[in-house]
Amino acid sequence: APVEADEAEDERPNPFAVLQKLKD
């Protein structure tokens, strides 16, 4: 069955998360 959109976003790493950590 196809993965729901919300579940798919939780499983994939966010490429901007690393940048946000550096900024913080």
PDBML (XML) file of the C-alpha atoms, coordinates in Angstrom:
<?xml version="1.0" encoding="UTF-8" ?>
<PDBx:datablock datablockName="MODEL"
   xmlns:PDBx="http://pdbml.pdb.org/schema/pdbx-v50.xsd"
   xmlns:xsi="http://www.w3.org/2001/XMLSchema-instance"
   xsi:schemaLocation="http://pdbml.pdb.org/schema/pdbx-v50.xsd pdbx-v50.xsd">
   <PDBx:atom_siteCategory>
      <PDBx:atom_site id="1">
         <PDBx:B_iso_or_equiv>0.00</PDBx:B_iso_or_equiv>
         <PDBx:Cartn_x>0.000</PDBx:Cartn_x>
         <PDBx:Cartn_y>0.000</PDBx:Cartn_y>
         <PDBx:Cartn_z>0.000</PDBx:Cartn_z>
         <PDBx:auth_asym_id>A</PDBx:auth_asym_id>
         <PDBx:auth_atom_id>CA</PDBx:auth_atom_id>
         <PDBx:auth_comp_id>ALA</PDBx:auth_comp_id>
         <PDBx:auth_seq_id>1</PDBx:auth_seq_id>
         <PDBx:group_PDB>ATOM</PDBx:group_PDB>
         <PDBx:label_alt_id xsi:nil="true" />
         <PDBx:label_asym_id>A</PDBx:label_asym_id>
         <PDBx:label_atom_id>CA</PDBx:label_atom_id>
         <PDBx:label_comp_id>ALA</PDBx:label_comp_id>
         <PDBx:label_entity_id>1</PDBx:label_entity_id>
         <PDBx:label_seq_id>1</PDBx:label_seq_id>
         <PDBx:occupancy>1.00</PDBx:occupancy>
         <PDBx:pdbx_PDB_model_num>1</PDBx:pdbx_PDB_model_num>
         <PDBx:type_symbol>C</PDBx:type_symbol>
      </PDBx:atom_site>
      <PDBx:atom_site id="2">
         <PDBx:B_iso_or_equiv>0.00</PDBx:B_iso_or_equiv>
         <PDBx:Cartn_x>1.252</PDBx:Cartn_x>
         <PDBx:Cartn_y>3.506</PDBx:Cartn_y>
         <PDBx:Cartn_z>-0.708</PDBx:Cartn_z>
         <PDBx:auth_asym_id>A</PDBx:auth_asym_id>
         <PDBx:auth_atom_id>CA</PDBx:auth_atom_id>
         <PDBx:auth_comp_id>PRO</PDBx:auth_comp_id>
         <PDBx:auth_seq_id>2</PDBx:auth_seq_id>
         <PDBx:group_PDB>ATOM</PDBx:group_PDB>
         <PDBx:label_alt_id xsi:nil="true" />
         <PDBx:label_asym_id>A</PDBx:label_asym_id>
         <PDBx:label_atom_id>CA</PDBx:label_atom_id>
         <PDBx:label_comp_id>PRO</PDBx:label_comp_id>
         <PDBx:label_entity_id>1</PDBx:label_entity_id>
         <PDBx:label_seq_id>2</PDBx:label_seq_id>
         <PDBx:occupancy>1.00</PDBx:occupancy>
         <PDBx:pdbx_PDB_model_num>1</PDBx:pdbx_PDB_model_num>
         <PDBx:type_symbol>C</PDBx:type_symbol>
      </PDBx:atom_site>
      <PDBx:atom_site id="3">
         <PDBx:B_iso_or_equiv>0.00</PDBx:B_iso_or_equiv>
         <PDBx:Cartn_x>2.684</PDBx:Cartn_x>
         <PDBx:Cartn_y>5.372</PDBx:Cartn_y>
         <PDBx:Cartn_z>2.275</PDBx:Cartn_z>
         <PDBx:auth_asym_id>A</PDBx:auth_asym_id>
         <PDBx:auth_atom_id>CA</PDBx:auth_atom_id>
         <PDBx:auth_comp_id>VAL</PDBx:auth_comp_id>
         <PDBx:auth_seq_id>3</PDBx:auth_seq_id>
         <PDBx:group_PDB>ATOM</PDBx:group_PDB>
         <PDBx:label_alt_id xsi:nil="true" />
         <PDBx:label_asym_id>A</PDBx:label_asym_id>
         <PDBx:label_atom_id>CA</PDBx:label_atom_id>
         <PDBx:label_comp_id>VAL</PDBx:label_comp_id>
         <PDBx:label_entity_id>1</PDBx:label_entity_id>
         <PDBx:label_seq_id>3</PDBx:label_seq_id>
         <PDBx:occupancy>1.00</PDBx:occupancy>
         <PDBx:pdbx_PDB_model_num>1</PDBx:pdbx_PDB_model_num>
         <PDBx:type_symbol>C</PDBx:type_symbol>
      </PDBx:atom_site>
      <PDBx:atom_site id="4">
         <PDBx:B_iso_or_equiv>0.00</PDBx:B_iso_or_equiv>
         <PDBx:Cartn_x>0.618</PDBx:Cartn_x>
         <PDBx:Cartn_y>8.303</PDBx:Cartn_y>
         <PDBx:Cartn_z>3.509</PDBx:Cartn_z>
         <PDBx:auth_asym_id>A</PDBx:auth_asym_id>
         <PDBx:auth_atom_id>CA</PDBx:auth_atom_id>
         <PDBx:auth_comp_id>GLU</PDBx:auth_comp_id>
         <PDBx:auth_seq_id>4</PDBx:auth_seq_id>
         <PDBx:group_PDB>ATOM</PDBx:group_PDB>
         <PDBx:label_alt_id xsi:nil="true" />
         <PDBx:label_asym_id>A</PDBx:label_asym_id>
         <PDBx:label_atom_id>CA</PDBx:label_atom_id>
         <PDBx:label_comp_id>GLU</PDBx:label_comp_id>
         <PDBx:label_entity_id>1</PDBx:label_entity_id>
         <PDBx:label_seq_id>4</PDBx:label_seq_id>
         <PDBx:occupancy>1.00</PDBx:occupancy>
         <PDBx:pdbx_PDB_model_num>1</PDBx:pdbx_PDB_model_num>
         <PDBx:type_symbol>C</PDBx:type_symbol>
      </PDBx:atom_site>
      <PDBx:atom_site id="5">
         <PDBx:B_iso_or_equiv>0.00</PDBx:B_iso_or_equiv>
         <PDBx:Cartn_x>2.132</PDBx:Cartn_x>
         <PDBx:Cartn_y>11.740</PDBx:Cartn_y>
         <PDBx:Cartn_z>2.880</PDBx:Cartn_z>
         <PDBx:auth_asym_id>A</PDBx:auth_asym_id>
         <PDBx:auth_atom_id>CA</PDBx:auth_atom_id>
         <PDBx:auth_comp_id>ALA</PDBx:auth_comp_id>
         <PDBx:auth_seq_id>5</PDBx:auth_seq_id>
         <PDBx:group_PDB>ATOM</PDBx:group_PDB>
         <PDBx:label_alt_id xsi:nil="true" />
         <PDBx:label_asym_id>A</PDBx:label_asym_id>
         <PDBx:label_atom_id>CA</PDBx:label_atom_id>
         <PDBx:label_comp_id>ALA</PDBx:label_comp_id>
         <PDBx:label_entity_id>1</PDBx:label_entity_id>
         <PDBx:label_seq_id>5</PDBx:label_seq_id>
         <PDBx:occupancy>1.00</PDBx:occupancy>
         <PDBx:pdbx_PDB_model_num>1</PDBx:pdbx_PDB_model_num>
         <PDBx:type_symbol>C</PDBx:type_symbol>
      </PDBx:atom_site>
      <PDBx:atom_site id="6">
         <PDBx:B_iso_or_equiv>0.00</PDBx:B_iso_or_equiv>
         <PDBx:Cartn_x>2.562</PDBx:Cartn_x>
         <PDBx:Cartn_y>12.523</PDBx:Cartn_y>
         <PDBx:Cartn_z>6.625</PDBx:Cartn_z>
         <PDBx:auth_asym_id>A</PDBx:auth_asym_id>
         <PDBx:auth_atom_id>CA</PDBx:auth_atom_id>
         <PDBx:auth_comp_id>ASP</PDBx:auth_comp_id>
         <PDBx:auth_seq_id>6</PDBx:auth_seq_id>
         <PDBx:group_PDB>ATOM</PDBx:group_PDB>
         <PDBx:label_alt_id xsi:nil="true" />
         <PDBx:label_asym_id>A</PDBx:label_asym_id>
         <PDBx:label_atom_id>CA</PDBx:label_atom_id>
         <PDBx:label_comp_id>ASP</PDBx:label_comp_id>
         <PDBx:label_entity_id>1</PDBx:label_entity_id>
         <PDBx:label_seq_id>6</PDBx:label_seq_id>
         <PDBx:occupancy>1.00</PDBx:occupancy>
         <PDBx:pdbx_PDB_model_num>1</PDBx:pdbx_PDB_model_num>
         <PDBx:type_symbol>C</PDBx:type_symbol>
      </PDBx:atom_site>
      <PDBx:atom_site id="7">
         <PDBx:B_iso_or_equiv>0.00</PDBx:B_iso_or_equiv>
         <PDBx:Cartn_x>4.309</PDBx:Cartn_x>
         <PDBx:Cartn_y>9.201</PDBx:Cartn_y>
         <PDBx:Cartn_z>7.238</PDBx:Cartn_z>
         <PDBx:auth_asym_id>A</PDBx:auth_asym_id>
         <PDBx:auth_atom_id>CA</PDBx:auth_atom_id>
         <PDBx:auth_comp_id>GLU</PDBx:auth_comp_id>
         <PDBx:auth_seq_id>7</PDBx:auth_seq_id>
         <PDBx:group_PDB>ATOM</PDBx:group_PDB>
         <PDBx:label_alt_id xsi:nil="true" />
         <PDBx:label_asym_id>A</PDBx:label_asym_id>
         <PDBx:label_atom_id>CA</PDBx:label_atom_id>
         <PDBx:label_comp_id>GLU</PDBx:label_comp_id>
         <PDBx:label_entity_id>1</PDBx:label_entity_id>
         <PDBx:label_seq_id>7</PDBx:label_seq_id>
         <PDBx:occupancy>1.00</PDBx:occupancy>
         <PDBx:pdbx_PDB_model_num>1</PDBx:pdbx_PDB_model_num>
         <PDBx:type_symbol>C</PDBx:type_symbol>
      </PDBx:atom_site>
      <PDBx:atom_site id="8">
         <PDBx:B_iso_or_equiv>0.00</PDBx:B_iso_or_equiv>
         <PDBx:Cartn_x>6.596</PDBx:Cartn_x>
         <PDBx:Cartn_y>9.709</PDBx:Cartn_y>
         <PDBx:Cartn_z>4.246</PDBx:Cartn_z>
         <PDBx:auth_asym_id>A</PDBx:auth_asym_id>
         <PDBx:auth_atom_id>CA</PDBx:auth_atom_id>
         <PDBx:auth_comp_id>ALA</PDBx:auth_comp_id>
         <PDBx:auth_seq_id>8</PDBx:auth_seq_id>
         <PDBx:group_PDB>ATOM</PDBx:group_PDB>
         <PDBx:label_alt_id xsi:nil="true" />
         <PDBx:label_asym_id>A</PDBx:label_asym_id>
         <PDBx:label_atom_id>CA</PDBx:label_atom_id>
         <PDBx:label_comp_id>ALA</PDBx:label_comp_id>
         <PDBx:label_entity_id>1</PDBx:label_entity_id>
         <PDBx:label_seq_id>8</PDBx:label_seq_id>
         <PDBx:occupancy>1.00</PDBx:occupancy>
         <PDBx:pdbx_PDB_model_num>1</PDBx:pdbx_PDB_model_num>
         <PDBx:type_symbol>C</PDBx:type_symbol>
      </PDBx:atom_site>
      <PDBx:atom_site id="9">
         <PDBx:B_iso_or_equiv>0.00</PDBx:B_iso_or_equiv>
         <PDBx:Cartn_x>7.766</PDBx:Cartn_x>
         <PDBx:Cartn_y>13.096</PDBx:Cartn_y>
         <PDBx:Cartn_z>5.513</PDBx:Cartn_z>
         <PDBx:auth_asym_id>A</PDBx:auth_asym_id>
         <PDBx:auth_atom_id>CA</PDBx:auth_atom_id>
         <PDBx:auth_comp_id>GLU</PDBx:auth_comp_id>
         <PDBx:auth_seq_id>9</PDBx:auth_seq_id>
         <PDBx:group_PDB>ATOM</PDBx:group_PDB>
         <PDBx:label_alt_id xsi:nil="true" />
         <PDBx:label_asym_id>A</PDBx:label_asym_id>
         <PDBx:label_atom_id>CA</PDBx:label_atom_id>
         <PDBx:label_comp_id>GLU</PDBx:label_comp_id>
         <PDBx:label_entity_id>1</PDBx:label_entity_id>
         <PDBx:label_seq_id>9</PDBx:label_seq_id>
         <PDBx:occupancy>1.00</PDBx:occupancy>
         <PDBx:pdbx_PDB_model_num>1</PDBx:pdbx_PDB_model_num>
         <PDBx:type_symbol>C</PDBx:type_symbol>
      </PDBx:atom_site>
      <PDBx:atom_site id="10">
         <PDBx:B_iso_or_equiv>0.00</PDBx:B_iso_or_equiv>
         <PDBx:Cartn_x>8.566</PDBx:Cartn_x>
         <PDBx:Cartn_y>11.651</PDBx:Cartn_y>
         <PDBx:Cartn_z>8.958</PDBx:Cartn_z>
         <PDBx:auth_asym_id>A</PDBx:auth_asym_id>
         <PDBx:auth_atom_id>CA</PDBx:auth_atom_id>
         <PDBx:auth_comp_id>ASP</PDBx:auth_comp_id>
         <PDBx:auth_seq_id>10</PDBx:auth_seq_id>
         <PDBx:group_PDB>ATOM</PDBx:group_PDB>
         <PDBx:label_alt_id xsi:nil="true" />
         <PDBx:label_asym_id>A</PDBx:label_asym_id>
         <PDBx:label_atom_id>CA</PDBx:label_atom_id>
         <PDBx:label_comp_id>ASP</PDBx:label_comp_id>
         <PDBx:label_entity_id>1</PDBx:label_entity_id>
         <PDBx:label_seq_id>10</PDBx:label_seq_id>
         <PDBx:occupancy>1.00</PDBx:occupancy>
         <PDBx:pdbx_PDB_model_num>1</PDBx:pdbx_PDB_model_num>
         <PDBx:type_symbol>C</PDBx:type_symbol>
      </PDBx:atom_site>
      <PDBx:atom_site id="11">
         <PDBx:B_iso_or_equiv>0.00</PDBx:B_iso_or_equiv>
         <PDBx:Cartn_x>10.691</PDBx:Cartn_x>
         <PDBx:Cartn_y>8.870</PDBx:Cartn_y>
         <PDBx:Cartn_z>7.473</PDBx:Cartn_z>
         <PDBx:auth_asym_id>A</PDBx:auth_asym_id>
         <PDBx:auth_atom_id>CA</PDBx:auth_atom_id>
         <PDBx:auth_comp_id>GLU</PDBx:auth_comp_id>
         <PDBx:auth_seq_id>11</PDBx:auth_seq_id>
         <PDBx:group_PDB>ATOM</PDBx:group_PDB>
         <PDBx:label_alt_id xsi:nil="true" />
         <PDBx:label_asym_id>A</PDBx:label_asym_id>
         <PDBx:label_atom_id>CA</PDBx:label_atom_id>
         <PDBx:label_comp_id>GLU</PDBx:label_comp_id>
         <PDBx:label_entity_id>1</PDBx:label_entity_id>
         <PDBx:label_seq_id>11</PDBx:label_seq_id>
         <PDBx:occupancy>1.00</PDBx:occupancy>
         <PDBx:pdbx_PDB_model_num>1</PDBx:pdbx_PDB_model_num>
         <PDBx:type_symbol>C</PDBx:type_symbol>
      </PDBx:atom_site>
      <PDBx:atom_site id="12">
         <PDBx:B_iso_or_equiv>0.00</PDBx:B_iso_or_equiv>
         <PDBx:Cartn_x>12.751</PDBx:Cartn_x>
         <PDBx:Cartn_y>11.002</PDBx:Cartn_y>
         <PDBx:Cartn_z>5.085</PDBx:Cartn_z>
         <PDBx:auth_asym_id>A</PDBx:auth_asym_id>
         <PDBx:auth_atom_id>CA</PDBx:auth_atom_id>
         <PDBx:auth_comp_id>ARG</PDBx:auth_comp_id>
         <PDBx:auth_seq_id>12</PDBx:auth_seq_id>
         <PDBx:group_PDB>ATOM</PDBx:group_PDB>
         <PDBx:label_alt_id xsi:nil="true" />
         <PDBx:label_asym_id>A</PDBx:label_asym_id>
         <PDBx:label_atom_id>CA</PDBx:label_atom_id>
         <PDBx:label_comp_id>ARG</PDBx:label_comp_id>
         <PDBx:label_entity_id>1</PDBx:label_entity_id>
         <PDBx:label_seq_id>12</PDBx:label_seq_id>
         <PDBx:occupancy>1.00</PDBx:occupancy>
         <PDBx:pdbx_PDB_model_num>1</PDBx:pdbx_PDB_model_num>
         <PDBx:type_symbol>C</PDBx:type_symbol>
      </PDBx:atom_site>
      <PDBx:atom_site id="13">
         <PDBx:B_iso_or_equiv>0.00</PDBx:B_iso_or_equiv>
         <PDBx:Cartn_x>15.536</PDBx:Cartn_x>
         <PDBx:Cartn_y>13.166</PDBx:Cartn_y>
         <PDBx:Cartn_z>6.478</PDBx:Cartn_z>
         <PDBx:auth_asym_id>A</PDBx:auth_asym_id>
         <PDBx:auth_atom_id>CA</PDBx:auth_atom_id>
         <PDBx:auth_comp_id>PRO</PDBx:auth_comp_id>
         <PDBx:auth_seq_id>13</PDBx:auth_seq_id>
         <PDBx:group_PDB>ATOM</PDBx:group_PDB>
         <PDBx:label_alt_id xsi:nil="true" />
         <PDBx:label_asym_id>A</PDBx:label_asym_id>
         <PDBx:label_atom_id>CA</PDBx:label_atom_id>
         <PDBx:label_comp_id>PRO</PDBx:label_comp_id>
         <PDBx:label_entity_id>1</PDBx:label_entity_id>
         <PDBx:label_seq_id>13</PDBx:label_seq_id>
         <PDBx:occupancy>1.00</PDBx:occupancy>
         <PDBx:pdbx_PDB_model_num>1</PDBx:pdbx_PDB_model_num>
         <PDBx:type_symbol>C</PDBx:type_symbol>
      </PDBx:atom_site>
      <PDBx:atom_site id="14">
         <PDBx:B_iso_or_equiv>0.00</PDBx:B_iso_or_equiv>
         <PDBx:Cartn_x>14.984</PDBx:Cartn_x>
         <PDBx:Cartn_y>16.864</PDBx:Cartn_y>
         <PDBx:Cartn_z>6.021</PDBx:Cartn_z>
         <PDBx:auth_asym_id>A</PDBx:auth_asym_id>
         <PDBx:auth_atom_id>CA</PDBx:auth_atom_id>
         <PDBx:auth_comp_id>ASN</PDBx:auth_comp_id>
         <PDBx:auth_seq_id>14</PDBx:auth_seq_id>
         <PDBx:group_PDB>ATOM</PDBx:group_PDB>
         <PDBx:label_alt_id xsi:nil="true" />
         <PDBx:label_asym_id>A</PDBx:label_asym_id>
         <PDBx:label_atom_id>CA</PDBx:label_atom_id>
         <PDBx:label_comp_id>ASN</PDBx:label_comp_id>
         <PDBx:label_entity_id>1</PDBx:label_entity_id>
         <PDBx:label_seq_id>14</PDBx:label_seq_id>
         <PDBx:occupancy>1.00</PDBx:occupancy>
         <PDBx:pdbx_PDB_model_num>1</PDBx:pdbx_PDB_model_num>
         <PDBx:type_symbol>C</PDBx:type_symbol>
      </PDBx:atom_site>
      <PDBx:atom_site id="15">
         <PDBx:B_iso_or_equiv>0.00</PDBx:B_iso_or_equiv>
         <PDBx:Cartn_x>17.931</PDBx:Cartn_x>
         <PDBx:Cartn_y>18.366</PDBx:Cartn_y>
         <PDBx:Cartn_z>4.099</PDBx:Cartn_z>
         <PDBx:auth_asym_id>A</PDBx:auth_asym_id>
         <PDBx:auth_atom_id>CA</PDBx:auth_atom_id>
         <PDBx:auth_comp_id>PRO</PDBx:auth_comp_id>
         <PDBx:auth_seq_id>15</PDBx:auth_seq_id>
         <PDBx:group_PDB>ATOM</PDBx:group_PDB>
         <PDBx:label_alt_id xsi:nil="true" />
         <PDBx:label_asym_id>A</PDBx:label_asym_id>
         <PDBx:label_atom_id>CA</PDBx:label_atom_id>
         <PDBx:label_comp_id>PRO</PDBx:label_comp_id>
         <PDBx:label_entity_id>1</PDBx:label_entity_id>
         <PDBx:label_seq_id>15</PDBx:label_seq_id>
         <PDBx:occupancy>1.00</PDBx:occupancy>
         <PDBx:pdbx_PDB_model_num>1</PDBx:pdbx_PDB_model_num>
         <PDBx:type_symbol>C</PDBx:type_symbol>
      </PDBx:atom_site>
      <PDBx:atom_site id="16">
         <PDBx:B_iso_or_equiv>0.00</PDBx:B_iso_or_equiv>
         <PDBx:Cartn_x>17.392</PDBx:Cartn_x>
         <PDBx:Cartn_y>21.730</PDBx:Cartn_y>
         <PDBx:Cartn_z>5.810</PDBx:Cartn_z>
         <PDBx:auth_asym_id>A</PDBx:auth_asym_id>
         <PDBx:auth_atom_id>CA</PDBx:auth_atom_id>
         <PDBx:auth_comp_id>PHE</PDBx:auth_comp_id>
         <PDBx:auth_seq_id>16</PDBx:auth_seq_id>
         <PDBx:group_PDB>ATOM</PDBx:group_PDB>
         <PDBx:label_alt_id xsi:nil="true" />
         <PDBx:label_asym_id>A</PDBx:label_asym_id>
         <PDBx:label_atom_id>CA</PDBx:label_atom_id>
         <PDBx:label_comp_id>PHE</PDBx:label_comp_id>
         <PDBx:label_entity_id>1</PDBx:label_entity_id>
         <PDBx:label_seq_id>16</PDBx:label_seq_id>
         <PDBx:occupancy>1.00</PDBx:occupancy>
         <PDBx:pdbx_PDB_model_num>1</PDBx:pdbx_PDB_model_num>
         <PDBx:type_symbol>C</PDBx:type_symbol>
      </PDBx:atom_site>
      <PDBx:atom_site id="17">
         <PDBx:B_iso_or_equiv>0.00</PDBx:B_iso_or_equiv>
         <PDBx:Cartn_x>17.547</PDBx:Cartn_x>
         <PDBx:Cartn_y>20.237</PDBx:Cartn_y>
         <PDBx:Cartn_z>9.302</PDBx:Cartn_z>
         <PDBx:auth_asym_id>A</PDBx:auth_asym_id>
         <PDBx:auth_atom_id>CA</PDBx:auth_atom_id>
         <PDBx:auth_comp_id>ALA</PDBx:auth_comp_id>
         <PDBx:auth_seq_id>17</PDBx:auth_seq_id>
         <PDBx:group_PDB>ATOM</PDBx:group_PDB>
         <PDBx:label_alt_id xsi:nil="true" />
         <PDBx:label_asym_id>A</PDBx:label_asym_id>
         <PDBx:label_atom_id>CA</PDBx:label_atom_id>
         <PDBx:label_comp_id>ALA</PDBx:label_comp_id>
         <PDBx:label_entity_id>1</PDBx:label_entity_id>
         <PDBx:label_seq_id>17</PDBx:label_seq_id>
         <PDBx:occupancy>1.00</PDBx:occupancy>
         <PDBx:pdbx_PDB_model_num>1</PDBx:pdbx_PDB_model_num>
         <PDBx:type_symbol>C</PDBx:type_symbol>
      </PDBx:atom_site>
      <PDBx:atom_site id="18">
         <PDBx:B_iso_or_equiv>0.00</PDBx:B_iso_or_equiv>
         <PDBx:Cartn_x>21.370</PDBx:Cartn_x>
         <PDBx:Cartn_y>20.261</PDBx:Cartn_y>
         <PDBx:Cartn_z>9.192</PDBx:Cartn_z>
         <PDBx:auth_asym_id>A</PDBx:auth_asym_id>
         <PDBx:auth_atom_id>CA</PDBx:auth_atom_id>
         <PDBx:auth_comp_id>VAL</PDBx:auth_comp_id>
         <PDBx:auth_seq_id>18</PDBx:auth_seq_id>
         <PDBx:group_PDB>ATOM</PDBx:group_PDB>
         <PDBx:label_alt_id xsi:nil="true" />
         <PDBx:label_asym_id>A</PDBx:label_asym_id>
         <PDBx:label_atom_id>CA</PDBx:label_atom_id>
         <PDBx:label_comp_id>VAL</PDBx:label_comp_id>
         <PDBx:label_entity_id>1</PDBx:label_entity_id>
         <PDBx:label_seq_id>18</PDBx:label_seq_id>
         <PDBx:occupancy>1.00</PDBx:occupancy>
         <PDBx:pdbx_PDB_model_num>1</PDBx:pdbx_PDB_model_num>
         <PDBx:type_symbol>C</PDBx:type_symbol>
      </PDBx:atom_site>
      <PDBx:atom_site id="19">
         <PDBx:B_iso_or_equiv>0.00</PDBx:B_iso_or_equiv>
         <PDBx:Cartn_x>21.369</PDBx:Cartn_x>
         <PDBx:Cartn_y>23.914</PDBx:Cartn_y>
         <PDBx:Cartn_z>8.161</PDBx:Cartn_z>
         <PDBx:auth_asym_id>A</PDBx:auth_asym_id>
         <PDBx:auth_atom_id>CA</PDBx:auth_atom_id>
         <PDBx:auth_comp_id>LEU</PDBx:auth_comp_id>
         <PDBx:auth_seq_id>19</PDBx:auth_seq_id>
         <PDBx:group_PDB>ATOM</PDBx:group_PDB>
         <PDBx:label_alt_id xsi:nil="true" />
         <PDBx:label_asym_id>A</PDBx:label_asym_id>
         <PDBx:label_atom_id>CA</PDBx:label_atom_id>
         <PDBx:label_comp_id>LEU</PDBx:label_comp_id>
         <PDBx:label_entity_id>1</PDBx:label_entity_id>
         <PDBx:label_seq_id>19</PDBx:label_seq_id>
         <PDBx:occupancy>1.00</PDBx:occupancy>
         <PDBx:pdbx_PDB_model_num>1</PDBx:pdbx_PDB_model_num>
         <PDBx:type_symbol>C</PDBx:type_symbol>
      </PDBx:atom_site>
      <PDBx:atom_site id="20">
         <PDBx:B_iso_or_equiv>0.00</PDBx:B_iso_or_equiv>
         <PDBx:Cartn_x>18.931</PDBx:Cartn_x>
         <PDBx:Cartn_y>24.769</PDBx:Cartn_y>
         <PDBx:Cartn_z>10.955</PDBx:Cartn_z>
         <PDBx:auth_asym_id>A</PDBx:auth_asym_id>
         <PDBx:auth_atom_id>CA</PDBx:auth_atom_id>
         <PDBx:auth_comp_id>GLN</PDBx:auth_comp_id>
         <PDBx:auth_seq_id>20</PDBx:auth_seq_id>
         <PDBx:group_PDB>ATOM</PDBx:group_PDB>
         <PDBx:label_alt_id xsi:nil="true" />
         <PDBx:label_asym_id>A</PDBx:label_asym_id>
         <PDBx:label_atom_id>CA</PDBx:label_atom_id>
         <PDBx:label_comp_id>GLN</PDBx:label_comp_id>
         <PDBx:label_entity_id>1</PDBx:label_entity_id>
         <PDBx:label_seq_id>20</PDBx:label_seq_id>
         <PDBx:occupancy>1.00</PDBx:occupancy>
         <PDBx:pdbx_PDB_model_num>1</PDBx:pdbx_PDB_model_num>
         <PDBx:type_symbol>C</PDBx:type_symbol>
      </PDBx:atom_site>
      <PDBx:atom_site id="21">
         <PDBx:B_iso_or_equiv>0.00</PDBx:B_iso_or_equiv>
         <PDBx:Cartn_x>21.247</PDBx:Cartn_x>
         <PDBx:Cartn_y>23.118</PDBx:Cartn_y>
         <PDBx:Cartn_z>13.523</PDBx:Cartn_z>
         <PDBx:auth_asym_id>A</PDBx:auth_asym_id>
         <PDBx:auth_atom_id>CA</PDBx:auth_atom_id>
         <PDBx:auth_comp_id>LYS</PDBx:auth_comp_id>
         <PDBx:auth_seq_id>21</PDBx:auth_seq_id>
         <PDBx:group_PDB>ATOM</PDBx:group_PDB>
         <PDBx:label_alt_id xsi:nil="true" />
         <PDBx:label_asym_id>A</PDBx:label_asym_id>
         <PDBx:label_atom_id>CA</PDBx:label_atom_id>
         <PDBx:label_comp_id>LYS</PDBx:label_comp_id>
         <PDBx:label_entity_id>1</PDBx:label_entity_id>
         <PDBx:label_seq_id>21</PDBx:label_seq_id>
         <PDBx:occupancy>1.00</PDBx:occupancy>
         <PDBx:pdbx_PDB_model_num>1</PDBx:pdbx_PDB_model_num>
         <PDBx:type_symbol>C</PDBx:type_symbol>
      </PDBx:atom_site>
      <PDBx:atom_site id="22">
         <PDBx:B_iso_or_equiv>0.00</PDBx:B_iso_or_equiv>
         <PDBx:Cartn_x>24.212</PDBx:Cartn_x>
         <PDBx:Cartn_y>25.161</PDBx:Cartn_y>
         <PDBx:Cartn_z>12.235</PDBx:Cartn_z>
         <PDBx:auth_asym_id>A</PDBx:auth_asym_id>
         <PDBx:auth_atom_id>CA</PDBx:auth_atom_id>
         <PDBx:auth_comp_id>LEU</PDBx:auth_comp_id>
         <PDBx:auth_seq_id>22</PDBx:auth_seq_id>
         <PDBx:group_PDB>ATOM</PDBx:group_PDB>
         <PDBx:label_alt_id xsi:nil="true" />
         <PDBx:label_asym_id>A</PDBx:label_asym_id>
         <PDBx:label_atom_id>CA</PDBx:label_atom_id>
         <PDBx:label_comp_id>LEU</PDBx:label_comp_id>
         <PDBx:label_entity_id>1</PDBx:label_entity_id>
         <PDBx:label_seq_id>22</PDBx:label_seq_id>
         <PDBx:occupancy>1.00</PDBx:occupancy>
         <PDBx:pdbx_PDB_model_num>1</PDBx:pdbx_PDB_model_num>
         <PDBx:type_symbol>C</PDBx:type_symbol>
      </PDBx:atom_site>
      <PDBx:atom_site id="23">
         <PDBx:B_iso_or_equiv>0.00</PDBx:B_iso_or_equiv>
         <PDBx:Cartn_x>22.151</PDBx:Cartn_x>
         <PDBx:Cartn_y>28.344</PDBx:Cartn_y>
         <PDBx:Cartn_z>12.379</PDBx:Cartn_z>
         <PDBx:auth_asym_id>A</PDBx:auth_asym_id>
         <PDBx:auth_atom_id>CA</PDBx:auth_atom_id>
         <PDBx:auth_comp_id>LYS</PDBx:auth_comp_id>
         <PDBx:auth_seq_id>23</PDBx:auth_seq_id>
         <PDBx:group_PDB>ATOM</PDBx:group_PDB>
         <PDBx:label_alt_id xsi:nil="true" />
         <PDBx:label_asym_id>A</PDBx:label_asym_id>
         <PDBx:label_atom_id>CA</PDBx:label_atom_id>
         <PDBx:label_comp_id>LYS</PDBx:label_comp_id>
         <PDBx:label_entity_id>1</PDBx:label_entity_id>
         <PDBx:label_seq_id>23</PDBx:label_seq_id>
         <PDBx:occupancy>1.00</PDBx:occupancy>
         <PDBx:pdbx_PDB_model_num>1</PDBx:pdbx_PDB_model_num>
         <PDBx:type_symbol>C</PDBx:type_symbol>
      </PDBx:atom_site>
      <PDBx:atom_site id="24">
         <PDBx:B_iso_or_equiv>0.00</PDBx:B_iso_or_equiv>
         <PDBx:Cartn_x>21.001</PDBx:Cartn_x>
         <PDBx:Cartn_y>27.586</PDBx:Cartn_y>
         <PDBx:Cartn_z>15.948</PDBx:Cartn_z>
         <PDBx:auth_asym_id>A</PDBx:auth_asym_id>
         <PDBx:auth_atom_id>CA</PDBx:auth_atom_id>
         <PDBx:auth_comp_id>ASP</PDBx:auth_comp_id>
         <PDBx:auth_seq_id>24</PDBx:auth_seq_id>
         <PDBx:group_PDB>ATOM</PDBx:group_PDB>
         <PDBx:label_alt_id xsi:nil="true" />
         <PDBx:label_asym_id>A</PDBx:label_asym_id>
         <PDBx:label_atom_id>CA</PDBx:label_atom_id>
         <PDBx:label_comp_id>ASP</PDBx:label_comp_id>
         <PDBx:label_entity_id>1</PDBx:label_entity_id>
         <PDBx:label_seq_id>24</PDBx:label_seq_id>
         <PDBx:occupancy>1.00</PDBx:occupancy>
         <PDBx:pdbx_PDB_model_num>1</PDBx:pdbx_PDB_model_num>
         <PDBx:type_symbol>C</PDBx:type_symbol>
      </PDBx:atom_site>
   </PDBx:atom_siteCategory>
</PDBx:datablock>
